[in-house]
Structure formats: structure tokens, C-alpha cells
PDB file of all heavy atoms in Angstrom:
ATOM      1  N   ALA A   1     130.510  57.751 114.454  1.00  0.00           N
ATOM      2  CA  ALA A   1     130.988  57.550 115.822  1.00  0.00           C
ATOM      3  C   ALA A   1     132.463  57.133 115.796  1.00  0.00           C
ATOM      4  O   ALA A   1     132.914  56.399 114.909  1.00  0.00           O
ATOM      5  CB  ALA A   1     130.160  56.467 116.518  1.00  0.00           C
ATOM      6  N   GLU A   2     133.203  57.611 116.777  1.00  0.00           N
ATOM      7  CA  GLU A   2     134.636  57.284 116.855  1.00  0.00           C
ATOM      8  C   GLU A   2     134.838  55.804 117.177  1.00  0.00           C
ATOM      9  O   GLU A   2     134.161  55.240 118.029  1.00  0.00           O
ATOM     10  CB  GLU A   2     135.308  58.144 117.930  1.00  0.00           C
ATOM     11  CG  GLU A   2     135.410  59.610 117.575  1.00  0.00           C
ATOM     12  CD  GLU A   2     136.263  60.388 118.546  1.00  0.00           C
ATOM     13  OE1 GLU A   2     136.959  59.738 119.359  1.00  0.00           O
ATOM     14  OE2 GLU A   2     136.244  61.625 118.492  1.00  0.00           O
ATOM     15  N   HIS A   3     135.777  55.211 116.453  1.00  0.00           N
ATOM     16  CA  HIS A   3     136.136  53.812 116.659  1.00  0.00           C
ATOM     17  C   HIS A   3     137.544  53.629 116.092  1.00  0.00           C
ATOM     18  O   HIS A   3     137.854  54.183 115.028  1.00  0.00           O
ATOM     19  CB  HIS A   3     135.146  52.890 115.934  1.00  0.00           C
ATOM     20  CG  HIS A   3     135.319  51.434 116.255  1.00  0.00           C
ATOM     21  ND1 HIS A   3     136.361  50.672 115.750  1.00  0.00           N
ATOM     22  CD2 HIS A   3     134.578  50.598 117.027  1.00  0.00           C
ATOM     23  CE1 HIS A   3     136.250  49.445 116.182  1.00  0.00           C
ATOM     24  NE2 HIS A   3     135.191  49.359 116.955  1.00  0.00           N
ATOM     25  N   PRO A   4     138.390  52.871 116.747  1.00  0.00           N
ATOM     26  CA  PRO A   4     139.778  52.745 116.269  1.00  0.00           C
ATOM     27  C   PRO A   4     139.902  52.138 114.872  1.00  0.00           C
ATOM     28  O   PRO A   4     140.919  52.367 114.202  1.00  0.00           O
ATOM     29  CB  PRO A   4     140.439  51.857 117.330  1.00  0.00           C
ATOM     30  CG  PRO A   4     139.314  51.207 118.076  1.00  0.00           C
ATOM     31  CD  PRO A   4     138.186  52.170 118.027  1.00  0.00           C
ATOM     32  N   LEU A   5     138.898  51.376 114.442  1.00  0.00           N
ATOM     33  CA  LEU A   5     138.977  50.751 113.125  1.00  0.00           C
ATOM     34  C   LEU A   5     138.168  51.485 112.057  1.00  0.00           C
ATOM     35  O   LEU A   5     138.120  51.032 110.910  1.00  0.00           O
ATOM     36  CB  LEU A   5     138.488  49.288 113.196  1.00  0.00           C
ATOM     37  CG  LEU A   5     139.362  48.325 113.986  1.00  0.00           C
ATOM     38  CD1 LEU A   5     138.729  46.931 113.996  1.00  0.00           C
ATOM     39  CD2 LEU A   5     140.764  48.263 113.396  1.00  0.00           C
ATOM     40  N   VAL A   6     137.548  52.584 112.434  1.00  0.00           N
ATOM     41  CA  VAL A   6     136.660  53.294 111.501  1.00  0.00           C
ATOM     42  C   VAL A   6     137.233  54.666 111.167  1.00  0.00           C
ATOM     43  O   VAL A   6     137.536  55.469 112.051  1.00  0.00           O
ATOM     44  CB  VAL A   6     135.244  53.457 112.093  1.00  0.00           C
ATOM     45  CG1 VAL A   6     134.342  54.217 111.125  1.00  0.00           C
ATOM     46  CG2 VAL A   6     134.639  52.082 112.405  1.00  0.00           C
ATOM     47  N   THR A   7     137.368  54.924 109.866  1.00  0.00           N
ATOM     48  CA  THR A   7     137.871  56.211 109.387  1.00  0.00           C
ATOM     49  C   THR A   7     136.794  56.900 108.555  1.00  0.00           C
ATOM     50  O   THR A   7     136.389  56.366 107.507  1.00  0.00           O
ATOM     51  CB  THR A   7     139.127  56.020 108.510  1.00  0.00           C
ATOM     52  OG1 THR A   7     140.124  55.325 109.248  1.00  0.00           O
ATOM     53  CG2 THR A   7     139.657  57.365 108.038  1.00  0.00           C
ATOM     54  N   PRO A   8     136.296  58.045 108.994  1.00  0.00           N
ATOM     55  CA  PRO A   8     135.297  58.766 108.187  1.00  0.00           C
ATOM     56  C   PRO A   8     135.939  59.353 106.932  1.00  0.00           C
ATOM     57  O   PRO A   8     137.085  59.821 106.953  1.00  0.00           O
ATOM     58  CB  PRO A   8     134.820  59.882 109.123  1.00  0.00           C
ATOM     59  CG  PRO A   8     135.336  59.542 110.468  1.00  0.00           C
ATOM     60  CD  PRO A   8     136.557  58.729 110.266  1.00  0.00           C
ATOM     61  N   VAL A   9     135.201  59.296 105.816  1.00  0.00           N
ATOM     62  CA  VAL A   9     135.650  59.856 104.561  1.00  0.00           C
ATOM     63  C   VAL A   9     134.507  60.698 103.984  1.00  0.00           C
ATOM     64  O   VAL A   9     133.373  60.210 103.886  1.00  0.00           O
ATOM     65  CB  VAL A   9     136.047  58.759 103.555  1.00  0.00           C
ATOM     66  CG1 VAL A   9     136.439  59.359 102.209  1.00  0.00           C
ATOM     67  CG2 VAL A   9     137.168  57.900 104.101  1.00  0.00           C
ATOM     68  N   ARG A  10     134.807  61.940 103.616  1.00  0.00           N
ATOM     69  CA  ARG A  10     133.769  62.806 103.064  1.00  0.00           C
ATOM     70  C   ARG A  10     133.441  62.364 101.642  1.00  0.00           C
ATOM     71  O   ARG A  10     134.324  62.236 100.789  1.00  0.00           O
ATOM     72  CB  ARG A  10     134.225  64.258 103.066  1.00  0.00           C
ATOM     73  CG  ARG A  10     133.088  65.238 102.747  1.00  0.00           C
ATOM     74  CD  ARG A  10     133.604  66.673 102.697  1.00  0.00           C
ATOM     75  NE  ARG A  10     134.374  67.021 103.860  1.00  0.00           N
ATOM     76  CZ  ARG A  10     133.849  67.389 105.026  1.00  0.00           C
ATOM     77  NH1 ARG A  10     132.543  67.400 105.179  1.00  0.00           N
ATOM     78  NH2 ARG A  10     134.638  67.713 106.027  1.00  0.00           N
ATOM     79  N   LEU A  11     132.151  62.168 101.387  1.00  0.00           N
ATOM     80  CA  LEU A  11     131.732  61.746 100.042  1.00  0.00           C
ATOM     81  C   LEU A  11     130.251  62.003  99.821  1.00  0.00           C
ATOM     82  O   LEU A  11     129.407  61.482 100.535  1.00  0.00           O
ATOM     83  CB  LEU A  11     132.020  60.244  99.827  1.00  0.00           C
ATOM     84  CG  LEU A  11     131.531  59.631  98.512  1.00  0.00           C
ATOM     85  CD1 LEU A  11     132.109  60.371  97.312  1.00  0.00           C
ATOM     86  CD2 LEU A  11     131.876  58.150  98.438  1.00  0.00           C
ATOM     87  N   ASP A  12     129.961  62.796  98.823  1.00  0.00           N
ATOM     88  CA  ASP A  12     128.614  62.949  98.283  1.00  0.00           C
ATOM     89  C   ASP A  12     128.602  62.149  96.988  1.00  0.00           C
ATOM     90  O   ASP A  12     129.321  62.473  96.031  1.00  0.00           O
ATOM     91  CB  ASP A  12     128.303  64.431  98.001  1.00  0.00           C
ATOM     92  CG  ASP A  12     126.912  64.653  97.430  1.00  0.00           C
ATOM     93  OD1 ASP A  12     126.327  63.676  96.915  1.00  0.00           O
ATOM     94  OD2 ASP A  12     126.419  65.792  97.458  1.00  0.00           O
ATOM     95  N   VAL A  13     127.812  61.076  96.937  1.00  0.00           N
ATOM     96  CA  VAL A  13     127.883  60.155  95.808  1.00  0.00           C
ATOM     97  C   VAL A  13     127.451  60.793  94.492  1.00  0.00           C
ATOM     98  O   VAL A  13     127.737  60.257  93.418  1.00  0.00           O
ATOM     99  CB  VAL A  13     127.063  58.874  96.062  1.00  0.00           C
ATOM    100  CG1 VAL A  13     127.566  58.139  97.297  1.00  0.00           C
ATOM    101  CG2 VAL A  13     125.577  59.170  96.163  1.00  0.00           C
ATOM    102  N   THR A  14     126.776  61.935  94.552  1.00  0.00           N
ATOM    103  CA  THR A  14     126.356  62.582  93.319  1.00  0.00           C
ATOM    104  C   THR A  14     127.479  63.418  92.697  1.00  0.00           C
ATOM    105  O   THR A  14     127.293  63.997  91.631  1.00  0.00           O
ATOM    106  CB  THR A  14     125.146  63.507  93.554  1.00  0.00           C
ATOM    107  OG1 THR A  14     125.506  64.549  94.463  1.00  0.00           O
ATOM    108  CG2 THR A  14     123.974  62.718  94.126  1.00  0.00           C
ATOM    109  N   SER A  15     128.623  63.471  93.351  1.00  0.00           N
ATOM    110  CA  SER A  15     129.768  64.213  92.831  1.00  0.00           C
ATOM    111  C   SER A  15     130.864  63.249  92.410  1.00  0.00           C
ATOM    112  O   SER A  15     131.525  62.637  93.247  1.00  0.00           O
ATOM    113  CB  SER A  15     130.304  65.197  93.887  1.00  0.00           C
ATOM    114  OG  SER A  15     131.531  65.757  93.464  1.00  0.00           O
ATOM    115  N   ALA A  16     131.075  63.130  91.099  1.00  0.00           N
ATOM    116  CA  ALA A  16     132.137  62.253  90.615  1.00  0.00           C
ATOM    117  C   ALA A  16     133.502  62.744  91.084  1.00  0.00           C
ATOM    118  O   ALA A  16     134.402  61.934  91.375  1.00  0.00           O
ATOM    119  CB  ALA A  16     132.100  62.187  89.092  1.00  0.00           C
ATOM    120  N   ALA A  17     133.650  64.063  91.184  1.00  0.00           N
ATOM    121  CA  ALA A  17     134.929  64.616  91.663  1.00  0.00           C
ATOM    122  C   ALA A  17     135.188  64.217  93.106  1.00  0.00           C
ATOM    123  O   ALA A  17     136.316  63.848  93.471  1.00  0.00           O
ATOM    124  CB  ALA A  17     134.918  66.134  91.524  1.00  0.00           C
ATOM    125  N   GLU A  18     134.152  64.279  93.962  1.00  0.00           N
ATOM    126  CA  GLU A  18     134.328  63.866  95.356  1.00  0.00           C
ATOM    127  C   GLU A  18     134.632  62.389  95.458  1.00  0.00           C
ATOM    128  O   GLU A  18     135.383  61.949  96.330  1.00  0.00           O
ATOM    129  CB  GLU A  18     133.083  64.221  96.173  1.00  0.00           C
ATOM    130  CG  GLU A  18     133.037  65.652  96.651  1.00  0.00           C
ATOM    131  CD  GLU A  18     132.084  65.867  97.814  1.00  0.00           C
ATOM    132  OE1 GLU A  18     131.753  64.890  98.524  1.00  0.00           O
ATOM    133  OE2 GLU A  18     131.658  67.015  98.013  1.00  0.00           O
ATOM    134  N   ALA A  19     134.035  61.588  94.573  1.00  0.00           N
ATOM    135  CA  ALA A  19     134.306  60.157  94.587  1.00  0.00           C
ATOM    136  C   ALA A  19     135.783  59.884  94.288  1.00  0.00           C
ATOM    137  O   ALA A  19     136.425  59.063  94.955  1.00  0.00           O
ATOM    138  CB  ALA A  19     133.425  59.436  93.570  1.00  0.00           C
ATOM    139  N   LEU A  20     136.327  60.591  93.318  1.00  0.00           N
ATOM    140  CA  LEU A  20     137.754  60.430  92.990  1.00  0.00           C
ATOM    141  C   LEU A  20     138.636  60.908  94.139  1.00  0.00           C
ATOM    142  O   LEU A  20     139.651  60.279  94.456  1.00  0.00           O
ATOM    143  CB  LEU A  20     138.074  61.188  91.708  1.00  0.00           C
ATOM    144  CG  LEU A  20     137.482  60.597  90.420  1.00  0.00           C
ATOM    145  CD1 LEU A  20     137.673  61.561  89.260  1.00  0.00           C
ATOM    146  CD2 LEU A  20     138.086  59.237  90.105  1.00  0.00           C
ATOM    147  N   GLU A  21     138.260  62.030  94.766  1.00  0.00           N
ATOM    148  CA  GLU A  21     139.006  62.538  95.911  1.00  0.00           C
ATOM    149  C   GLU A  21     138.970  61.544  97.071  1.00  0.00           C
ATOM    150  O   GLU A  21     139.977  61.314  97.760  1.00  0.00           O
ATOM    151  CB  GLU A  21     138.457  63.875  96.349  1.00  0.00           C
ATOM    152  CG  GLU A  21     138.719  65.011  95.362  1.00  0.00           C
ATOM    153  CD  GLU A  21     138.021  66.292  95.775  1.00  0.00           C
ATOM    154  OE1 GLU A  21     137.433  66.326  96.881  1.00  0.00           O
ATOM    155  OE2 GLU A  21     138.040  67.254  94.987  1.00  0.00           O
ATOM    156  N   ALA A  22     137.788  60.937  97.290  1.00  0.00           N
ATOM    157  CA  ALA A  22     137.656  59.966  98.372  1.00  0.00           C
ATOM    158  C   ALA A  22     138.550  58.758  98.104  1.00  0.00           C
ATOM    159  O   ALA A  22     139.163  58.197  99.021  1.00  0.00           O
ATOM    160  CB  ALA A  22     136.203  59.532  98.510  1.00  0.00           C
ATOM    161  N   ALA A  23     138.617  58.337  96.855  1.00  0.00           N
ATOM    162  CA  ALA A  23     139.466  57.191  96.508  1.00  0.00           C
ATOM    163  C   ALA A  23     140.934  57.500  96.798  1.00  0.00           C
ATOM    164  O   ALA A  23     141.682  56.644  97.302  1.00  0.00           O
ATOM    165  CB  ALA A  23     139.281  56.822  95.049  1.00  0.00           C
ATOM    166  N   GLU A  24     141.361  58.715  96.496  1.00  0.00           N
ATOM    167  CA  GLU A  24     142.742  59.089  96.780  1.00  0.00           C
ATOM    168  C   GLU A  24     142.992  59.177  98.289  1.00  0.00           C
ATOM    169  O   GLU A  24     144.054  58.805  98.785  1.00  0.00           O
ATOM    170  CB  GLU A  24     143.066  60.420  96.111  1.00  0.00           C
ATOM    171  CG  GLU A  24     143.201  60.311  94.597  1.00  0.00           C
ATOM    172  CD  GLU A  24     144.208  59.252  94.180  1.00  0.00           C
ATOM    173  OE1 GLU A  24     145.340  59.251  94.724  1.00  0.00           O
ATOM    174  OE2 GLU A  24     143.846  58.395  93.349  1.00  0.00           O
ATOM    175  N   THR A  25     141.995  59.673  99.021  1.00  0.00           N
ATOM    176  CA  THR A  25     142.108  59.729 100.485  1.00  0.00           C
ATOM    177  C   THR A  25     142.273  58.334 101.070  1.00  0.00           C
ATOM    178  O   THR A  25     143.115  58.099 101.948  1.00  0.00           O
ATOM    179  CB  THR A  25     140.863  60.400 101.092  1.00  0.00           C
ATOM    180  OG1 THR A  25     140.771  61.745 100.621  1.00  0.00           O
ATOM    181  CG2 THR A  25     140.923  60.405 102.612  1.00  0.00           C
ATOM    182  N   VAL A  26     141.466  57.414 100.590  1.00  0.00           N
ATOM    183  CA  VAL A  26     141.537  56.027 101.068  1.00  0.00           C
ATOM    184  C   VAL A  26     142.879  55.399 100.684  1.00  0.00           C
ATOM    185  O   VAL A  26     143.527  54.721 101.497  1.00  0.00           O
ATOM    186  CB  VAL A  26     140.362  55.205 100.520  1.00  0.00           C
ATOM    187  CG1 VAL A  26     140.553  53.709 100.817  1.00  0.00           C
ATOM    188  CG2 VAL A  26     139.042  55.685 101.112  1.00  0.00           C
ATOM    189  N   ARG A  27     143.317  55.624  99.453  1.00  0.00           N
ATOM    190  CA  ARG A  27     144.605  55.068  99.011  1.00  0.00           C
ATOM    191  C   ARG A  27     145.730  55.521  99.933  1.00  0.00           C
ATOM    192  O   ARG A  27     146.577  54.728 100.346  1.00  0.00           O
ATOM    193  CB  ARG A  27     144.901  55.475  97.569  1.00  0.00           C
ATOM    194  CG  ARG A  27     146.247  54.960  97.065  1.00  0.00           C
ATOM    195  CD  ARG A  27     146.533  55.423  95.649  1.00  0.00           C
ATOM    196  NE  ARG A  27     145.649  54.791  94.687  1.00  0.00           N
ATOM    197  CZ  ARG A  27     145.837  53.578  94.181  1.00  0.00           C
ATOM    198  NH1 ARG A  27     146.887  52.839  94.580  1.00  0.00           N
ATOM    199  NH2 ARG A  27     144.995  53.075  93.314  1.00  0.00           N
ATOM    200  N   ALA A  28     145.718  56.809 100.280  1.00  0.00           N
ATOM    201  CA  ALA A  28     146.775  57.353 101.128  1.00  0.00           C
ATOM    202  C   ALA A  28     146.724  56.805 102.540  1.00  0.00           C
ATOM    203  O   ALA A  28     147.757  56.698 103.208  1.00  0.00           O
ATOM    204  CB  ALA A  28     146.671  58.883 101.150  1.00  0.00           C
TER     205      ALA A  28
END
């Protein structure tokens, strides 16, 4: 749900590659 303090991040926890991508997305 949309909220000014909430940012959706795509992540399937079974994918180590997606986890690393999510970390970079959050860092940015």
C-alpha cells in the first residue's frame, strides 16, 4: 500500500542475486 514512509523493494529471498540487488537499491 502507498505510504510516504514506505518504499517497496523487489525481493525473492530464495535468490541471493536479488538480495544483493535489493541491498544496492536500498543503499541508493
